[in-house]
Amino acid sequence: MDPKEQAEVLAEQTLSSTRERLGALGSRPTAEHVAVFDTLHQELSGVLGALDQNANTPRSPSVS
């Protein structure tokens, strides 16, 4: 799998997990929401940083 495909899979998995966790907030006490938001923010920031790093990594030329 090439880096672009890996990035797309990582992004889709992250979005899916984030949507699921945000959807579950309705069954949790409001006081617990901040902890979930903080955790999601950290995770999303890490994923975005990794994706950005991969996007800025020079690629070796393809061999045909």
N, C-alpha and C. Protein backbone atom coordinates (compact mmCIF):
# COMPACT_ATOMS: atom_id res chain seq x y z
N MET A 1 0.86 -1.18 0.00
CA MET A 1 0.00 0.00 0.00
C MET A 1 0.90 1.24 0.00
N ASP A 2 0.63 2.16 -0.90
CA ASP A 2 1.46 3.35 -0.98
C ASP A 2 1.08 4.34 0.12
N PRO A 3 1.94 5.32 0.39
CA PRO A 3 1.69 6.27 1.48
C PRO A 3 0.35 7.01 1.37
N LYS A 4 -0.05 7.33 0.15
CA LYS A 4 -1.33 8.04 -0.02
C LYS A 4 -2.49 7.15 0.41
N GLU A 5 -2.44 5.89 0.02
CA GLU A 5 -3.49 4.95 0.42
C GLU A 5 -3.49 4.73 1.92
N GLN A 6 -2.30 4.65 2.52
CA GLN A 6 -2.20 4.49 3.97
C GLN A 6 -2.82 5.70 4.68
N ALA A 7 -2.54 6.89 4.17
CA ALA A 7 -3.09 8.11 4.76
C ALA A 7 -4.61 8.12 4.66
N GLU A 8 -5.13 7.69 3.52
CA GLU A 8 -6.58 7.65 3.34
C GLU A 8 -7.23 6.66 4.30
N VAL A 9 -6.61 5.49 4.48
CA VAL A 9 -7.14 4.49 5.41
C VAL A 9 -7.10 5.02 6.83
N LEU A 10 -5.99 5.63 7.22
CA LEU A 10 -5.86 6.19 8.56
C LEU A 10 -6.91 7.27 8.79
N ALA A 11 -7.09 8.15 7.82
CA ALA A 11 -8.08 9.22 7.95
C ALA A 11 -9.49 8.65 8.09
N GLU A 12 -9.83 7.66 7.28
CA GLU A 12 -11.17 7.07 7.35
C GLU A 12 -11.40 6.37 8.68
N GLN A 13 -10.41 5.63 9.16
CA GLN A 13 -10.53 4.95 10.45
C GLN A 13 -10.71 5.96 11.58
N THR A 14 -9.93 7.04 11.51
CA THR A 14 -10.01 8.07 12.54
C THR A 14 -11.38 8.75 12.53
N LEU A 15 -11.87 9.08 11.35
CA LEU A 15 -13.18 9.72 11.25
C LEU A 15 -14.29 8.79 11.75
N SER A 16 -14.21 7.53 11.39
CA SER A 16 -15.21 6.56 11.82
C SER A 16 -15.23 6.44 13.34
N SER A 17 -14.06 6.30 13.92
CA SER A 17 -13.95 6.19 15.38
C SER A 17 -14.45 7.46 16.07
N THR A 18 -14.09 8.60 15.51
CA THR A 18 -14.50 9.88 16.10
C THR A 18 -16.02 10.04 16.06
N ARG A 19 -16.62 9.72 14.93
CA ARG A 19 -18.08 9.81 14.81
C ARG A 19 -18.77 8.89 15.81
N GLU A 20 -18.24 7.69 15.96
CA GLU A 20 -18.83 6.73 16.89
C GLU A 20 -18.76 7.24 18.32
N ARG A 21 -17.61 7.76 18.69
CA ARG A 21 -17.44 8.25 20.07
C ARG A 21 -18.28 9.50 20.33
N LEU A 22 -18.38 10.37 19.34
CA LEU A 22 -19.23 11.55 19.51
C LEU A 22 -20.69 11.15 19.57
N GLY A 23 -21.09 10.16 18.79
CA GLY A 23 -22.47 9.69 18.81
C GLY A 23 -22.86 9.08 20.15
N ALA A 24 -21.88 8.53 20.85
CA ALA A 24 -22.15 7.90 22.15
C ALA A 24 -22.26 8.92 23.28
N LEU A 25 -21.95 10.17 23.00
CA LEU A 25 -22.01 11.18 24.07
C LEU A 25 -23.42 11.37 24.63
N GLY A 26 -24.42 11.13 23.80
CA GLY A 26 -25.80 11.33 24.25
C GLY A 26 -26.17 10.46 25.44
N SER A 27 -25.50 9.34 25.59
CA SER A 27 -25.82 8.43 26.70
C SER A 27 -24.91 8.65 27.90
N ARG A 28 -24.02 9.61 27.80
CA ARG A 28 -23.09 9.88 28.91
C ARG A 28 -23.46 11.19 29.58
N PRO A 29 -23.16 11.31 30.88
CA PRO A 29 -23.42 12.57 31.57
C PRO A 29 -22.63 13.72 30.93
N THR A 30 -23.24 14.87 30.90
CA THR A 30 -22.60 16.04 30.29
C THR A 30 -21.24 16.32 30.89
N ALA A 31 -21.08 16.08 32.16
CA ALA A 31 -19.79 16.35 32.82
C ALA A 31 -18.65 15.52 32.22
N GLU A 32 -18.97 14.40 31.59
CA GLU A 32 -17.94 13.55 30.98
C GLU A 32 -17.58 13.97 29.56
N HIS A 33 -18.34 14.86 28.97
CA HIS A 33 -18.12 15.25 27.58
C HIS A 33 -16.76 15.92 27.37
N VAL A 34 -16.36 16.76 28.31
CA VAL A 34 -15.10 17.50 28.15
C VAL A 34 -13.93 16.54 28.02
N ALA A 35 -13.90 15.49 28.83
CA ALA A 35 -12.81 14.52 28.75
C ALA A 35 -12.78 13.83 27.39
N VAL A 36 -13.96 13.52 26.86
CA VAL A 36 -14.03 12.89 25.53
C VAL A 36 -13.54 13.87 24.47
N PHE A 37 -13.98 15.12 24.54
CA PHE A 37 -13.54 16.13 23.58
C PHE A 37 -12.02 16.32 23.64
N ASP A 38 -11.47 16.38 24.85
CA ASP A 38 -10.03 16.56 24.99
C ASP A 38 -9.25 15.39 24.38
N THR A 39 -9.71 14.18 24.65
CA THR A 39 -9.05 13.00 24.10
C THR A 39 -9.13 12.99 22.58
N LEU A 40 -10.31 13.27 22.05
CA LEU A 40 -10.47 13.30 20.60
C LEU A 40 -9.60 14.38 19.98
N HIS A 41 -9.51 15.52 20.61
CA HIS A 41 -8.68 16.61 20.09
C HIS A 41 -7.22 16.17 20.01
N GLN A 42 -6.73 15.52 21.06
CA GLN A 42 -5.34 15.05 21.05
C GLN A 42 -5.12 14.02 19.94
N GLU A 43 -6.05 13.08 19.81
CA GLU A 43 -5.91 12.04 18.80
C GLU A 43 -5.97 12.63 17.39
N LEU A 44 -6.92 13.52 17.15
CA LEU A 44 -7.05 14.14 15.83
C LEU A 44 -5.82 14.99 15.50
N SER A 45 -5.31 15.70 16.47
CA SER A 45 -4.10 16.50 16.25
C SER A 45 -2.93 15.60 15.87
N GLY A 46 -2.80 14.47 16.56
CA GLY A 46 -1.73 13.53 16.24
C GLY A 46 -1.85 12.96 14.85
N VAL A 47 -3.06 12.59 14.46
CA VAL A 47 -3.29 12.03 13.13
C VAL A 47 -3.02 13.10 12.06
N LEU A 48 -3.51 14.30 12.28
CA LEU A 48 -3.26 15.37 11.30
C LEU A 48 -1.77 15.67 11.18
N GLY A 49 -1.06 15.65 12.30
CA GLY A 49 0.38 15.85 12.26
C GLY A 49 1.08 14.77 11.47
N ALA A 50 0.66 13.52 11.67
CA ALA A 50 1.26 12.40 10.94
C ALA A 50 0.96 12.51 9.45
N LEU A 51 -0.28 12.87 9.12
CA LEU A 51 -0.64 13.01 7.71
C LEU A 51 0.14 14.15 7.07
N ASP A 52 0.31 15.26 7.80
CA ASP A 52 1.05 16.39 7.29
C ASP A 52 2.51 16.02 7.09
N GLN A 53 3.07 15.28 8.03
CA GLN A 53 4.46 14.85 7.92
C GLN A 53 4.65 13.96 6.69
N ASN A 54 3.72 13.04 6.48
CA ASN A 54 3.81 12.18 5.30
C ASN A 54 3.67 12.97 4.01
N ALA A 55 2.83 14.00 4.03
CA ALA A 55 2.63 14.81 2.83
C ALA A 55 3.88 15.62 2.50
N ASN A 56 4.66 15.97 3.52
CA ASN A 56 5.85 16.79 3.30
C ASN A 56 7.12 15.98 3.12
N THR A 57 7.02 14.66 3.19
CA THR A 57 8.19 13.80 3.02
C THR A 57 8.49 13.67 1.53
N PRO A 58 9.72 13.96 1.14
CA PRO A 58 10.06 13.80 -0.28
C PRO A 58 9.92 12.34 -0.69
N ARG A 59 9.40 12.14 -1.85
CA ARG A 59 9.19 10.79 -2.36
C ARG A 59 10.29 10.45 -3.34
N SER A 60 10.68 9.21 -3.31
CA SER A 60 11.66 8.79 -4.29
C SER A 60 10.96 8.62 -5.64
N PRO A 61 11.67 8.85 -6.72
CA PRO A 61 11.03 8.72 -8.04
C PRO A 61 10.60 7.28 -8.27
N SER A 62 9.51 7.12 -8.97
CA SER A 62 9.01 5.79 -9.31
C SER A 62 9.90 5.17 -10.37
N VAL A 63 10.08 3.90 -10.20
CA VAL A 63 10.87 3.18 -11.19
C VAL A 63 9.89 2.47 -12.10
N SER A 64 10.00 2.72 -13.38
CA SER A 64 9.08 2.12 -14.35
C SER A 64 9.68 0.92 -15.00
